Amino acid sequence: MNEKFVEQFDTDGDGKLGPKERQSARDQSQITVSVAKKSLETEQSAAGFIARLDKNSDGVISSDEVDETRWKVISRADKDGNGRVTKEEWLARGGQ
């Protein structure tokens, strides 16, 4: 077993992982996988959202691709103010 891995979960400092420490390591690994999976799903969702509205297939949403009401909401994600919203900007909006 990897030394750094053992160090991370060896709460009693005996240099090995007992049953509780192994369970803690498993639980933490499941959480890490779950977070990574959620992140991937979120990124795929954002990509799908952009693709659905991106009429000219340039990879971004601009005001001429959506109606004015929708643009008012979407444009809040336009952090660099260039009139275009990228997938990264949409993801960074933090649920606004």
N, C-alpha and C. Protein backbone atom coordinates (compact mmCIF):
# COMPACT_ATOMS: atom_id res chain seq x y z
N MET A 1 0.85 -1.18 0.00
CA MET A 1 0.00 0.00 0.00
C MET A 1 0.90 1.24 0.00
N ASN A 2 0.47 2.26 -0.68
CA ASN A 2 1.22 3.50 -0.81
C ASN A 2 1.45 4.15 0.56
N GLU A 3 2.69 4.55 0.83
CA GLU A 3 3.05 5.14 2.13
C GLU A 3 2.25 6.40 2.45
N LYS A 4 2.11 7.27 1.46
CA LYS A 4 1.35 8.51 1.68
C LYS A 4 -0.11 8.21 1.98
N PHE A 5 -0.64 7.20 1.31
CA PHE A 5 -2.03 6.81 1.56
C PHE A 5 -2.19 6.35 3.00
N VAL A 6 -1.28 5.51 3.45
CA VAL A 6 -1.33 5.01 4.83
C VAL A 6 -1.21 6.18 5.80
N GLU A 7 -0.26 7.07 5.56
CA GLU A 7 -0.08 8.23 6.43
C GLU A 7 -1.35 9.06 6.54
N GLN A 8 -2.04 9.23 5.43
CA GLN A 8 -3.24 10.06 5.40
C GLN A 8 -4.35 9.49 6.29
N PHE A 9 -4.47 8.18 6.35
CA PHE A 9 -5.58 7.56 7.08
C PHE A 9 -5.18 6.86 8.37
N ASP A 10 -3.90 6.83 8.68
CA ASP A 10 -3.40 6.18 9.89
C ASP A 10 -3.59 7.12 11.09
N THR A 11 -4.80 7.13 11.63
CA THR A 11 -5.12 8.08 12.70
C THR A 11 -4.46 7.74 14.03
N ASP A 12 -4.12 6.47 14.24
CA ASP A 12 -3.50 6.12 15.52
C ASP A 12 -1.97 6.10 15.45
N GLY A 13 -1.42 6.36 14.25
CA GLY A 13 0.03 6.48 14.10
C GLY A 13 0.81 5.20 14.22
N ASP A 14 0.17 4.02 14.05
CA ASP A 14 0.90 2.76 14.19
C ASP A 14 1.53 2.28 12.88
N GLY A 15 1.39 3.07 11.82
CA GLY A 15 2.03 2.71 10.55
C GLY A 15 1.23 1.73 9.71
N LYS A 16 0.04 1.37 10.14
CA LYS A 16 -0.81 0.48 9.34
C LYS A 16 -2.27 0.91 9.51
N LEU A 17 -3.09 0.40 8.62
CA LEU A 17 -4.50 0.75 8.67
C LEU A 17 -5.32 -0.37 9.30
N GLY A 18 -5.96 -0.04 10.40
CA GLY A 18 -6.87 -0.98 11.04
C GLY A 18 -8.24 -0.92 10.37
N PRO A 19 -9.19 -1.73 10.84
CA PRO A 19 -10.51 -1.79 10.21
C PRO A 19 -11.22 -0.43 10.12
N LYS A 20 -11.20 0.36 11.18
CA LYS A 20 -11.86 1.66 11.15
C LYS A 20 -11.16 2.62 10.19
N GLU A 21 -9.85 2.56 10.17
CA GLU A 21 -9.08 3.43 9.28
C GLU A 21 -9.31 3.03 7.81
N ARG A 22 -9.38 1.73 7.54
CA ARG A 22 -9.66 1.27 6.18
C ARG A 22 -11.05 1.71 5.74
N GLN A 23 -12.02 1.63 6.66
CA GLN A 23 -13.37 2.07 6.33
C GLN A 23 -13.40 3.57 6.04
N SER A 24 -12.68 4.33 6.84
CA SER A 24 -12.59 5.77 6.60
C SER A 24 -11.99 6.06 5.23
N ALA A 25 -10.95 5.31 4.86
CA ALA A 25 -10.32 5.48 3.55
C ALA A 25 -11.30 5.14 2.43
N ARG A 26 -12.06 4.06 2.59
CA ARG A 26 -13.08 3.68 1.59
C ARG A 26 -14.15 4.77 1.47
N ASP A 27 -14.62 5.24 2.61
CA ASP A 27 -15.65 6.29 2.60
C ASP A 27 -15.16 7.53 1.88
N GLN A 28 -13.92 7.94 2.20
CA GLN A 28 -13.36 9.14 1.57
C GLN A 28 -13.18 8.93 0.07
N SER A 29 -12.78 7.74 -0.34
CA SER A 29 -12.62 7.45 -1.77
C SER A 29 -13.96 7.53 -2.48
N GLN A 30 -15.01 7.03 -1.87
CA GLN A 30 -16.35 7.08 -2.47
C GLN A 30 -16.81 8.52 -2.61
N ILE A 31 -16.52 9.34 -1.61
CA ILE A 31 -16.89 10.76 -1.67
C ILE A 31 -16.15 11.43 -2.81
N THR A 32 -14.85 11.16 -2.94
CA THR A 32 -14.04 11.75 -4.00
C THR A 32 -14.57 11.36 -5.37
N VAL A 33 -14.90 10.08 -5.55
CA VAL A 33 -15.45 9.61 -6.83
C VAL A 33 -16.79 10.27 -7.09
N SER A 34 -17.62 10.38 -6.07
CA SER A 34 -18.93 11.01 -6.21
C SER A 34 -18.81 12.47 -6.64
N VAL A 35 -17.90 13.20 -6.02
CA VAL A 35 -17.69 14.60 -6.36
C VAL A 35 -17.18 14.73 -7.80
N ALA A 36 -16.24 13.88 -8.18
CA ALA A 36 -15.70 13.91 -9.55
C ALA A 36 -16.80 13.60 -10.56
N LYS A 37 -17.64 12.63 -10.25
CA LYS A 37 -18.73 12.26 -11.15
C LYS A 37 -19.72 13.41 -11.28
N LYS A 38 -20.06 14.06 -10.17
CA LYS A 38 -20.98 15.19 -10.19
C LYS A 38 -20.39 16.34 -11.01
N SER A 39 -19.10 16.58 -10.85
CA SER A 39 -18.43 17.63 -11.61
C SER A 39 -18.50 17.35 -13.11
N LEU A 40 -18.27 16.10 -13.50
CA LEU A 40 -18.33 15.72 -14.91
C LEU A 40 -19.76 15.88 -15.43
N GLU A 41 -20.75 15.46 -14.64
CA GLU A 41 -22.15 15.60 -15.05
C GLU A 41 -22.51 17.07 -15.22
N THR A 42 -22.02 17.92 -14.32
CA THR A 42 -22.29 19.35 -14.40
C THR A 42 -21.67 19.94 -15.66
N GLU A 43 -20.43 19.55 -15.95
CA GLU A 43 -19.75 20.06 -17.14
C GLU A 43 -20.47 19.59 -18.41
N GLN A 44 -20.90 18.33 -18.43
CA GLN A 44 -21.62 17.82 -19.59
C GLN A 44 -22.96 18.54 -19.74
N SER A 45 -23.62 18.82 -18.63
CA SER A 45 -24.88 19.55 -18.66
C SER A 45 -24.68 20.95 -19.22
N ALA A 46 -23.63 21.63 -18.78
CA ALA A 46 -23.34 22.98 -19.28
C ALA A 46 -23.03 22.94 -20.78
N ALA A 47 -22.27 21.94 -21.20
CA ALA A 47 -21.95 21.81 -22.62
C ALA A 47 -23.22 21.59 -23.44
N GLY A 48 -24.12 20.77 -22.91
CA GLY A 48 -25.39 20.53 -23.59
C GLY A 48 -26.24 21.78 -23.67
N PHE A 49 -26.26 22.55 -22.59
CA PHE A 49 -27.01 23.80 -22.54
C PHE A 49 -26.48 24.77 -23.60
N ILE A 50 -25.17 24.93 -23.64
CA ILE A 50 -24.56 25.82 -24.63
C ILE A 50 -24.89 25.33 -26.05
N ALA A 51 -24.73 24.04 -26.29
CA ALA A 51 -24.97 23.49 -27.63
C ALA A 51 -26.41 23.69 -28.09
N ARG A 52 -27.37 23.56 -27.17
CA ARG A 52 -28.78 23.72 -27.55
C ARG A 52 -29.08 25.16 -28.00
N LEU A 53 -28.42 26.13 -27.40
CA LEU A 53 -28.72 27.53 -27.72
C LEU A 53 -27.77 28.14 -28.75
N ASP A 54 -26.67 27.47 -29.00
CA ASP A 54 -25.62 27.97 -29.88
C ASP A 54 -26.00 27.73 -31.35
N LYS A 55 -26.74 28.66 -31.92
CA LYS A 55 -27.29 28.48 -33.28
C LYS A 55 -26.23 28.44 -34.36
N ASN A 56 -25.12 29.17 -34.17
CA ASN A 56 -24.09 29.20 -35.21
C ASN A 56 -22.93 28.24 -34.93
N SER A 57 -23.05 27.42 -33.90
CA SER A 57 -22.06 26.37 -33.57
C SER A 57 -20.65 26.90 -33.35
N ASP A 58 -20.54 28.09 -32.73
CA ASP A 58 -19.21 28.61 -32.43
C ASP A 58 -18.76 28.31 -31.01
N GLY A 59 -19.58 27.56 -30.26
CA GLY A 59 -19.20 27.13 -28.92
C GLY A 59 -19.55 28.10 -27.81
N VAL A 60 -20.26 29.18 -28.14
CA VAL A 60 -20.66 30.17 -27.15
C VAL A 60 -22.11 30.59 -27.42
N ILE A 61 -22.71 31.21 -26.42
CA ILE A 61 -24.04 31.79 -26.60
C ILE A 61 -23.87 33.31 -26.67
N SER A 62 -24.48 33.91 -27.67
CA SER A 62 -24.46 35.37 -27.78
C SER A 62 -25.89 35.88 -27.86
N SER A 63 -26.04 37.20 -27.70
CA SER A 63 -27.38 37.79 -27.62
C SER A 63 -28.21 37.56 -28.88
N ASP A 64 -27.58 37.40 -30.03
CA ASP A 64 -28.34 37.19 -31.25
C ASP A 64 -28.85 35.75 -31.41
N GLU A 65 -28.48 34.88 -30.46
CA GLU A 65 -28.91 33.49 -30.54
C GLU A 65 -30.10 33.17 -29.62
N VAL A 66 -30.44 34.10 -28.76
CA VAL A 66 -31.56 33.88 -27.82
C VAL A 66 -32.41 35.15 -27.75
N ASP A 67 -33.63 35.00 -27.24
CA ASP A 67 -34.48 36.19 -27.12
C ASP A 67 -33.97 37.09 -25.99
N GLU A 68 -34.46 38.31 -25.98
CA GLU A 68 -33.97 39.33 -25.04
C GLU A 68 -34.14 38.92 -23.57
N THR A 69 -35.28 38.33 -23.24
CA THR A 69 -35.54 37.91 -21.86
C THR A 69 -34.54 36.85 -21.41
N ARG A 70 -34.31 35.87 -22.26
CA ARG A 70 -33.34 34.81 -21.92
C ARG A 70 -31.94 35.39 -21.83
N TRP A 71 -31.59 36.32 -22.73
CA TRP A 71 -30.25 36.89 -22.71
C TRP A 71 -30.00 37.66 -21.42
N LYS A 72 -31.02 38.32 -20.87
CA LYS A 72 -30.84 39.04 -19.61
C LYS A 72 -30.37 38.11 -18.51
N VAL A 73 -30.88 36.90 -18.51
CA VAL A 73 -30.46 35.91 -17.50
C VAL A 73 -29.09 35.34 -17.84
N ILE A 74 -28.93 34.90 -19.08
CA ILE A 74 -27.68 34.25 -19.50
C ILE A 74 -26.50 35.22 -19.42
N SER A 75 -26.72 36.47 -19.78
CA SER A 75 -25.62 37.43 -19.85
C SER A 75 -24.99 37.73 -18.49
N ARG A 76 -25.66 37.39 -17.41
CA ARG A 76 -25.04 37.56 -16.09
C ARG A 76 -23.77 36.74 -15.94
N ALA A 77 -23.66 35.68 -16.74
CA ALA A 77 -22.47 34.83 -16.69
C ALA A 77 -21.32 35.40 -17.53
N ASP A 78 -21.59 36.42 -18.33
CA ASP A 78 -20.58 37.00 -19.23
C ASP A 78 -19.59 37.85 -18.43
N LYS A 79 -18.65 37.21 -17.78
CA LYS A 79 -17.74 37.89 -16.86
C LYS A 79 -16.75 38.81 -17.55
N ASP A 80 -16.37 38.50 -18.79
CA ASP A 80 -15.41 39.38 -19.45
C ASP A 80 -16.09 40.47 -20.29
N GLY A 81 -17.43 40.46 -20.29
CA GLY A 81 -18.18 41.53 -20.94
C GLY A 81 -18.07 41.59 -22.45
N ASN A 82 -17.74 40.46 -23.08
CA ASN A 82 -17.57 40.47 -24.53
C ASN A 82 -18.86 40.14 -25.29
N GLY A 83 -19.97 40.01 -24.57
CA GLY A 83 -21.25 39.72 -25.23
C GLY A 83 -21.43 38.28 -25.63
N ARG A 84 -20.58 37.42 -25.11
CA ARG A 84 -20.64 35.99 -25.41
C ARG A 84 -20.45 35.22 -24.11
N VAL A 85 -21.17 34.13 -23.95
CA VAL A 85 -21.04 33.30 -22.74
C VAL A 85 -20.49 31.94 -23.15
N THR A 86 -19.33 31.61 -22.59
CA THR A 86 -18.69 30.32 -22.84
C THR A 86 -19.17 29.29 -21.82
N LYS A 87 -18.84 28.04 -22.09
CA LYS A 87 -19.16 26.97 -21.13
C LYS A 87 -18.48 27.25 -19.80
N GLU A 88 -17.24 27.69 -19.84
CA GLU A 88 -16.51 27.98 -18.60
C GLU A 88 -17.18 29.10 -17.80
N GLU A 89 -17.62 30.14 -18.49
CA GLU A 89 -18.30 31.23 -17.81
C GLU A 89 -19.63 30.73 -17.21
N TRP A 90 -20.33 29.89 -17.99
CA TRP A 90 -21.60 29.37 -17.49
C TRP A 90 -21.38 28.52 -16.24
N LEU A 91 -20.35 27.69 -16.24
CA LEU A 91 -20.03 26.86 -15.09
C LEU A 91 -19.63 27.72 -13.89
N ALA A 92 -18.89 28.78 -14.14
CA ALA A 92 -18.36 29.63 -13.06
C ALA A 92 -19.43 30.51 -12.41
N ARG A 93 -20.59 30.58 -13.00
CA ARG A 93 -21.62 31.48 -12.49
C ARG A 93 -22.12 31.06 -11.11
N GLY A 94 -21.87 29.81 -10.72
CA GLY A 94 -22.22 29.35 -9.37
C GLY A 94 -23.70 29.30 -9.08
N GLY A 95 -24.50 28.90 -10.04
CA GLY A 95 -25.93 28.71 -9.81
C GLY A 95 -26.75 29.98 -9.80
N GLN A 96 -26.22 31.07 -10.34
CA GLN A 96 -26.96 32.34 -10.38
C GLN A 96 -28.21 32.21 -11.22
